[in-house]
């Protein structure tokens, strides 16, 4: 394998890894936004530690307000 081929293979592998990681972040965040609790997401993602799962969540203030409104619809 030439140096250029080795570099191209490394870039391709890195790109695939980044896409997969991005998909996991999107998956986790989407599940929580749709009402899945973090413990459900943890099990679905195969994490033994909840802290690992929390690194995949990207919630903003609007997500927190929406969750509050669902829990307490009467205001």
PDB file of N, CA and C in Angstrom:
ATOM      1  N   UNK A   1       0.861  -1.172   0.000  1.00  0.00           N
ATOM      2  CA  UNK A   1       0.000   0.000   0.000  1.00  0.00           C
ATOM      3  C   UNK A   1       0.907   1.233   0.000  1.00  0.00           C
ATOM      4  N   UNK A   2       0.602   2.141  -0.897  1.00  0.00           N
ATOM      5  CA  UNK A   2       1.394   3.367  -0.973  1.00  0.00           C
ATOM      6  C   UNK A   2       1.005   4.305   0.163  1.00  0.00           C
ATOM      7  N   UNK A   3       1.814   5.301   0.375  1.00  0.00           N
ATOM      8  CA  UNK A   3       1.528   6.294   1.413  1.00  0.00           C
ATOM      9  C   UNK A   3       0.210   7.019   1.124  1.00  0.00           C
ATOM     10  N   UNK A   4      -0.023   7.365  -0.133  1.00  0.00           N
ATOM     11  CA  UNK A   4      -1.274   8.033  -0.505  1.00  0.00           C
ATOM     12  C   UNK A   4      -2.478   7.130  -0.266  1.00  0.00           C
ATOM     13  N   UNK A   5      -2.365   5.854  -0.579  1.00  0.00           N
ATOM     14  CA  UNK A   5      -3.459   4.899  -0.351  1.00  0.00           C
ATOM     15  C   UNK A   5      -3.724   4.742   1.144  1.00  0.00           C
ATOM     16  N   UNK A   6      -2.646   4.699   1.926  1.00  0.00           N
ATOM     17  CA  UNK A   6      -2.788   4.568   3.377  1.00  0.00           C
ATOM     18  C   UNK A   6      -3.508   5.797   3.947  1.00  0.00           C
ATOM     19  N   UNK A   7      -3.115   6.985   3.488  1.00  0.00           N
ATOM     20  CA  UNK A   7      -3.762   8.216   3.953  1.00  0.00           C
ATOM     21  C   UNK A   7      -5.233   8.259   3.539  1.00  0.00           C
ATOM     22  N   UNK A   8      -5.525   7.851   2.311  1.00  0.00           N
ATOM     23  CA  UNK A   8      -6.910   7.843   1.829  1.00  0.00           C
ATOM     24  C   UNK A   8      -7.759   6.878   2.647  1.00  0.00           C
ATOM     25  N   UNK A   9      -7.202   5.714   2.970  1.00  0.00           N
ATOM     26  CA  UNK A   9      -7.929   4.731   3.774  1.00  0.00           C
ATOM     27  C   UNK A   9      -8.184   5.266   5.180  1.00  0.00           C
ATOM     28  N   UNK A  10      -7.201   5.953   5.747  1.00  0.00           N
ATOM     29  CA  UNK A  10      -7.357   6.515   7.092  1.00  0.00           C
ATOM     30  C   UNK A  10      -8.436   7.602   7.099  1.00  0.00           C
ATOM     31  N   UNK A  11      -8.456   8.445   6.076  1.00  0.00           N
ATOM     32  CA  UNK A  11      -9.476   9.500   5.990  1.00  0.00           C
ATOM     33  C   UNK A  11     -10.860   8.887   5.831  1.00  0.00           C
ATOM     34  N   UNK A  12     -10.981   7.854   5.010  1.00  0.00           N
ATOM     35  CA  UNK A  12     -12.278   7.194   4.812  1.00  0.00           C
ATOM     36  C   UNK A  12     -12.767   6.566   6.110  1.00  0.00           C
ATOM     37  N   UNK A  13     -11.873   5.894   6.838  1.00  0.00           N
ATOM     38  CA  UNK A  13     -12.260   5.265   8.097  1.00  0.00           C
ATOM     39  C   UNK A  13     -12.690   6.335   9.105  1.00  0.00           C
ATOM     40  N   UNK A  14     -11.952   7.448   9.177  1.00  0.00           N
ATOM     41  CA  UNK A  14     -12.301   8.533  10.088  1.00  0.00           C
ATOM     42  C   UNK A  14     -13.666   9.105   9.728  1.00  0.00           C
ATOM     43  N   UNK A  15     -13.912   9.308   8.440  1.00  0.00           N
ATOM     44  CA  UNK A  15     -15.193   9.867   7.985  1.00  0.00           C
ATOM     45  C   UNK A  15     -16.348   8.959   8.367  1.00  0.00           C
ATOM     46  N   UNK A  16     -16.199   7.658   8.159  1.00  0.00           N
ATOM     47  CA  UNK A  16     -17.257   6.704   8.515  1.00  0.00           C
ATOM     48  C   UNK A  16     -17.515   6.714  10.009  1.00  0.00           C
ATOM     49  N   UNK A  17     -16.446   6.792  10.801  1.00  0.00           N
ATOM     50  CA  UNK A  17     -16.592   6.827  12.256  1.00  0.00           C
ATOM     51  C   UNK A  17     -17.351   8.068  12.692  1.00  0.00           C
ATOM     52  N   UNK A  18     -17.037   9.224  12.101  1.00  0.00           N
ATOM     53  CA  UNK A  18     -17.708  10.471  12.456  1.00  0.00           C
ATOM     54  C   UNK A  18     -19.190  10.409  12.098  1.00  0.00           C
ATOM     55  N   UNK A  19     -19.528   9.825  10.964  1.00  0.00           N
ATOM     56  CA  UNK A  19     -20.934   9.688  10.568  1.00  0.00           C
ATOM     57  C   UNK A  19     -21.660   8.798  11.562  1.00  0.00           C
ATOM     58  N   UNK A  20     -21.042   7.681  11.936  1.00  0.00           N
ATOM     59  CA  UNK A  20     -21.674   6.768  12.889  1.00  0.00           C
ATOM     60  C   UNK A  20     -21.876   7.450  14.233  1.00  0.00           C
ATOM     61  N   UNK A  21     -20.872   8.194  14.690  1.00  0.00           N
ATOM     62  CA  UNK A  21     -21.001   8.884  15.971  1.00  0.00           C
ATOM     63  C   UNK A  21     -22.096   9.937  15.895  1.00  0.00           C
ATOM     64  N   UNK A  22     -22.160  10.663  14.790  1.00  0.00           N
ATOM     65  CA  UNK A  22     -23.207  11.658  14.616  1.00  0.00           C
ATOM     66  C   UNK A  22     -24.577  11.026  14.633  1.00  0.00           C
ATOM     67  N   UNK A  23     -24.696   9.863  14.013  1.00  0.00           N
ATOM     68  CA  UNK A  23     -25.971   9.155  14.011  1.00  0.00           C
ATOM     69  C   UNK A  23     -26.372   8.744  15.419  1.00  0.00           C
ATOM     70  N   UNK A  24     -25.416   8.324  16.230  1.00  0.00           N
ATOM     71  CA  UNK A  24     -25.723   7.928  17.604  1.00  0.00           C
ATOM     72  C   UNK A  24     -26.190   9.141  18.417  1.00  0.00           C
ATOM     73  N   UNK A  25     -25.558  10.290  18.207  1.00  0.00           N
ATOM     74  CA  UNK A  25     -25.962  11.495  18.916  1.00  0.00           C
ATOM     75  C   UNK A  25     -27.383  11.896  18.506  1.00  0.00           C
ATOM     76  N   UNK A  26     -27.664  11.862  17.208  1.00  0.00           N
ATOM     77  CA  UNK A  26     -28.993  12.200  16.700  1.00  0.00           C
ATOM     78  C   UNK A  26     -30.037  11.222  17.232  1.00  0.00           C
ATOM     79  N   UNK A  27     -29.715   9.929  17.221  1.00  0.00           N
ATOM     80  CA  UNK A  27     -30.608   8.880  17.698  1.00  0.00           C
ATOM     81  C   UNK A  27     -30.975   9.118  19.165  1.00  0.00           C
ATOM     82  N   UNK A  28     -29.968   9.329  20.000  1.00  0.00           N
ATOM     83  CA  UNK A  28     -30.207   9.510  21.433  1.00  0.00           C
ATOM     84  C   UNK A  28     -31.043  10.758  21.696  1.00  0.00           C
ATOM     85  N   UNK A  29     -30.683  11.858  21.073  1.00  0.00           N
ATOM     86  CA  UNK A  29     -31.403  13.106  21.278  1.00  0.00           C
ATOM     87  C   UNK A  29     -32.842  12.994  20.788  1.00  0.00           C
ATOM     88  N   UNK A  30     -33.034  12.384  19.634  1.00  0.00           N
ATOM     89  CA  UNK A  30     -34.382  12.223  19.080  1.00  0.00           C
ATOM     90  C   UNK A  30     -35.256  11.369  19.984  1.00  0.00           C
ATOM     91  N   UNK A  31     -34.694  10.300  20.522  1.00  0.00           N
ATOM     92  CA  UNK A  31     -35.475   9.447  21.428  1.00  0.00           C
ATOM     93  C   UNK A  31     -35.943  10.210  22.657  1.00  0.00           C
ATOM     94  N   UNK A  32     -35.060  10.985  23.245  1.00  0.00           N
ATOM     95  CA  UNK A  32     -35.437  11.746  24.441  1.00  0.00           C
ATOM     96  C   UNK A  32     -36.467  12.811  24.090  1.00  0.00           C
ATOM     97  N   UNK A  33     -36.282  13.473  22.959  1.00  0.00           N
ATOM     98  CA  UNK A  33     -37.237  14.513  22.546  1.00  0.00           C
ATOM     99  C   UNK A  33     -38.622  13.938  22.290  1.00  0.00           C
ATOM    100  N   UNK A  34     -38.686  12.666  21.932  1.00  0.00           N
ATOM    101  CA  UNK A  34     -39.976  12.026  21.652  1.00  0.00           C
ATOM    102  C   UNK A  34     -40.551  11.320  22.877  1.00  0.00           C
ATOM    103  N   UNK A  35     -39.950  11.570  24.024  1.00  0.00           N
ATOM    104  CA  UNK A  35     -40.517  11.055  25.263  1.00  0.00           C
ATOM    105  C   UNK A  35     -39.825   9.841  25.845  1.00  0.00           C
ATOM    106  N   UNK A  36     -38.800   9.342  25.205  1.00  0.00           N
ATOM    107  CA  UNK A  36     -38.056   8.211  25.760  1.00  0.00           C
ATOM    108  C   UNK A  36     -37.181   8.693  26.897  1.00  0.00           C
ATOM    109  N   UNK A  37     -37.283   8.063  28.019  1.00  0.00           N
ATOM    110  CA  UNK A  37     -36.456   8.460  29.160  1.00  0.00           C
ATOM    111  C   UNK A  37     -34.996   8.104  28.921  1.00  0.00           C
ATOM    112  N   UNK A  38     -34.138   8.770  29.646  1.00  0.00           N
ATOM    113  CA  UNK A  38     -32.705   8.540  29.461  1.00  0.00           C
ATOM    114  C   UNK A  38     -32.310   7.103  29.788  1.00  0.00           C
ATOM    115  N   UNK A  39     -33.019   6.461  30.723  1.00  0.00           N
ATOM    116  CA  UNK A  39     -32.691   5.067  31.047  1.00  0.00           C
ATOM    117  C   UNK A  39     -33.082   4.122  29.908  1.00  0.00           C
ATOM    118  N   UNK A  40     -34.138   4.455  29.192  1.00  0.00           N
ATOM    119  CA  UNK A  40     -34.522   3.673  28.011  1.00  0.00           C
ATOM    120  C   UNK A  40     -33.454   3.831  26.936  1.00  0.00           C
ATOM    121  N   UNK A  41     -33.026   5.066  26.711  1.00  0.00           N
ATOM    122  CA  UNK A  41     -31.979   5.333  25.719  1.00  0.00           C
ATOM    123  C   UNK A  41     -30.691   4.599  26.111  1.00  0.00           C
ATOM    124  N   UNK A  42     -30.367   4.625  27.390  1.00  0.00           N
ATOM    125  CA  UNK A  42     -29.171   3.942  27.884  1.00  0.00           C
ATOM    126  C   UNK A  42     -29.199   2.459  27.516  1.00  0.00           C
ATOM    127  N   UNK A  43     -30.318   1.815  27.755  1.00  0.00           N
ATOM    128  CA  UNK A  43     -30.427   0.382  27.452  1.00  0.00           C
ATOM    129  C   UNK A  43     -30.375   0.125  25.955  1.00  0.00           C
ATOM    130  N   UNK A  44     -31.069   0.964  25.181  1.00  0.00           N
ATOM    131  CA  UNK A  44     -31.079   0.777  23.738  1.00  0.00           C
ATOM    132  C   UNK A  44     -29.693   0.965  23.127  1.00  0.00           C
ATOM    133  N   UNK A  45     -28.900   1.848  23.718  1.00  0.00           N
ATOM    134  CA  UNK A  45     -27.563   2.102  23.194  1.00  0.00           C
ATOM    135  C   UNK A  45     -26.516   1.156  23.780  1.00  0.00           C
ATOM    136  N   UNK A  46     -26.920   0.358  24.758  1.00  0.00           N
ATOM    137  CA  UNK A  46     -26.010  -0.629  25.322  1.00  0.00           C
ATOM    138  C   UNK A  46     -24.973  -0.056  26.278  1.00  0.00           C
ATOM    139  N   UNK A  47     -25.292   1.065  26.913  1.00  0.00           N
ATOM    140  CA  UNK A  47     -24.357   1.675  27.857  1.00  0.00           C
ATOM    141  C   UNK A  47     -24.580   1.121  29.260  1.00  0.00           C
ATOM    142  N   UNK A  48     -23.498   0.839  29.958  1.00  0.00           N
ATOM    143  CA  UNK A  48     -23.625   0.386  31.342  1.00  0.00           C
ATOM    144  C   UNK A  48     -23.642   1.573  32.306  1.00  0.00           C
ATOM    145  N   UNK A  49     -23.158   2.722  31.864  1.00  0.00           N
ATOM    146  CA  UNK A  49     -23.076   3.903  32.709  1.00  0.00           C
ATOM    147  C   UNK A  49     -23.938   5.017  32.109  1.00  0.00           C
ATOM    148  N   UNK A  50     -24.811   5.583  32.903  1.00  0.00           N
ATOM    149  CA  UNK A  50     -25.712   6.631  32.433  1.00  0.00           C
ATOM    150  C   UNK A  50     -24.938   7.878  31.990  1.00  0.00           C
ATOM    151  N   UNK A  51     -23.764   8.085  32.556  1.00  0.00           N
ATOM    152  CA  UNK A  51     -22.947   9.240  32.164  1.00  0.00           C
ATOM    153  C   UNK A  51     -22.531   9.140  30.699  1.00  0.00           C
ATOM    154  N   UNK A  52     -22.295   7.936  30.236  1.00  0.00           N
ATOM    155  CA  UNK A  52     -21.950   7.735  28.825  1.00  0.00           C
ATOM    156  C   UNK A  52     -23.116   8.159  27.951  1.00  0.00           C
ATOM    157  N   UNK A  53     -24.315   7.754  28.320  1.00  0.00           N
ATOM    158  CA  UNK A  53     -25.508   8.103  27.550  1.00  0.00           C
ATOM    159  C   UNK A  53     -25.707   9.615  27.529  1.00  0.00           C
ATOM    160  N   UNK A  54     -25.502  10.254  28.659  1.00  0.00           N
ATOM    161  CA  UNK A  54     -25.754  11.697  28.736  1.00  0.00           C
ATOM    162  C   UNK A  54     -24.840  12.484  27.800  1.00  0.00           C
ATOM    163  N   UNK A  55     -23.670  11.944  27.479  1.00  0.00           N
ATOM    164  CA  UNK A  55     -22.774  12.639  26.540  1.00  0.00           C
ATOM    165  C   UNK A  55     -23.348  12.664  25.130  1.00  0.00           C
ATOM    166  N   UNK A  56     -24.268  11.763  24.832  1.00  0.00           N
ATOM    167  CA  UNK A  56     -24.869  11.701  23.504  1.00  0.00           C
ATOM    168  C   UNK A  56     -26.080  12.610  23.351  1.00  0.00           C
ATOM    169  N   UNK A  57     -26.561  13.169  24.448  1.00  0.00           N
ATOM    170  CA  UNK A  57     -27.760  13.996  24.401  1.00  0.00           C
ATOM    171  C   UNK A  57     -27.393  15.455  24.189  1.00  0.00           C
ATOM    172  N   UNK A  58     -28.123  16.093  23.298  1.00  0.00           N
ATOM    173  CA  UNK A  58     -27.888  17.499  22.999  1.00  0.00           C
ATOM    174  C   UNK A  58     -29.222  18.234  23.116  1.00  0.00           C
ATOM    175  N   UNK A  59     -29.575  18.529  24.343  1.00  0.00           N
ATOM    176  CA  UNK A  59     -30.845  19.186  24.603  1.00  0.00           C
ATOM    177  C   UNK A  59     -30.625  20.678  24.798  1.00  0.00           C
ATOM    178  N   UNK A  60     -31.577  21.440  24.369  1.00  0.00           N
ATOM    179  CA  UNK A  60     -31.524  22.890  24.529  1.00  0.00           C
ATOM    180  C   UNK A  60     -32.650  23.306  25.462  1.00  0.00           C
ATOM    181  N   UNK A  61     -32.656  24.575  25.834  1.00  0.00           N
ATOM    182  CA  UNK A  61     -33.678  25.064  26.761  1.00  0.00           C
ATOM    183  C   UNK A  61     -35.095  24.757  26.278  1.00  0.00           C
ATOM    184  N   UNK A  62     -35.333  24.839  24.980  1.00  0.00           N
ATOM    185  CA  UNK A  62     -36.669  24.551  24.449  1.00  0.00           C
ATOM    186  C   UNK A  62     -37.079  23.110  24.744  1.00  0.00           C
ATOM    187  N   UNK A  63     -36.120  22.188  24.713  1.00  0.00           N
ATOM    188  CA  UNK A  63     -36.419  20.791  25.044  1.00  0.00           C
ATOM    189  C   UNK A  63     -36.837  20.668  26.506  1.00  0.00           C
ATOM    190  N   UNK A  64     -36.150  21.390  27.371  1.00  0.00           N
ATOM    191  CA  UNK A  64     -36.467  21.337  28.792  1.00  0.00           C
ATOM    192  C   UNK A  64     -37.841  21.933  29.071  1.00  0.00           C
ATOM    193  N   UNK A  65     -38.154  23.049  28.427  1.00  0.00           N
ATOM    194  CA  UNK A  65     -39.474  23.666  28.593  1.00  0.00           C
ATOM    195  C   UNK A  65     -40.584  22.759  28.067  1.00  0.00           C
ATOM    196  N   UNK A  66     -40.344  22.102  26.941  1.00  0.00           N
ATOM    197  CA  UNK A  66     -41.338  21.187  26.369  1.00  0.00           C
ATOM    198  C   UNK A  66     -41.584  20.012  27.309  1.00  0.00           C
ATOM    199  N   UNK A  67     -40.524  19.489  27.894  1.00  0.00           N
ATOM    200  CA  UNK A  67     -40.674  18.371  28.841  1.00  0.00           C
ATOM    201  C   UNK A  67     -41.465  18.810  30.063  1.00  0.00           C
ATOM    202  N   UNK A  68     -41.191  20.005  30.540  1.00  0.00           N
ATOM    203  CA  UNK A  68     -41.922  20.545  31.692  1.00  0.00           C
ATOM    204  C   UNK A  68     -43.396  20.705  31.350  1.00  0.00           C
ATOM    205  N   UNK A  69     -43.685  21.249  30.177  1.00  0.00           N
ATOM    206  CA  UNK A  69     -45.074  21.444  29.751  1.00  0.00           C
ATOM    207  C   UNK A  69     -45.813  20.118  29.599  1.00  0.00           C
ATOM    208  N   UNK A  70     -45.119  19.061  29.125  1.00  0.00           N
ATOM    209  CA  UNK A  70     -45.758  17.745  29.030  1.00  0.00           C
ATOM    210  C   UNK A  70     -46.051  17.181  30.404  1.00  0.00           C
ATOM    211  N   UNK A  71     -45.141  17.417  31.348  1.00  0.00           N
ATOM    212  CA  UNK A  71     -45.319  16.876  32.697  1.00  0.00           C
ATOM    213  C   UNK A  71     -46.370  17.648  33.484  1.00  0.00           C
ATOM    214  N   UNK A  72     -46.471  18.939  33.222  1.00  0.00           N
ATOM    215  CA  UNK A  72     -47.396  19.800  33.963  1.00  0.00           C
ATOM    216  C   UNK A  72     -48.213  20.642  32.990  1.00  0.00           C
ATOM    217  N   UNK A  73     -49.136  20.020  32.253  1.00  0.00           N
ATOM    218  CA  UNK A  73     -49.882  20.737  31.223  1.00  0.00           C
ATOM    219  C   UNK A  73     -50.766  21.866  31.766  1.00  0.00           C
ATOM    220  N   UNK A  74     -51.120  21.781  33.028  1.00  0.00           N
ATOM    221  CA  UNK A  74     -52.006  22.819  33.583  1.00  0.00           C
ATOM    222  C   UNK A  74     -51.233  24.093  33.917  1.00  0.00           C
ATOM    223  N   UNK A  75     -49.923  24.083  33.759  1.00  0.00           N
ATOM    224  CA  UNK A  75     -49.159  25.301  33.884  1.00  0.00           C
ATOM    225  C   UNK A  75     -48.535  25.537  35.194  1.00  0.00           C
TER     226      UNK A  75
END
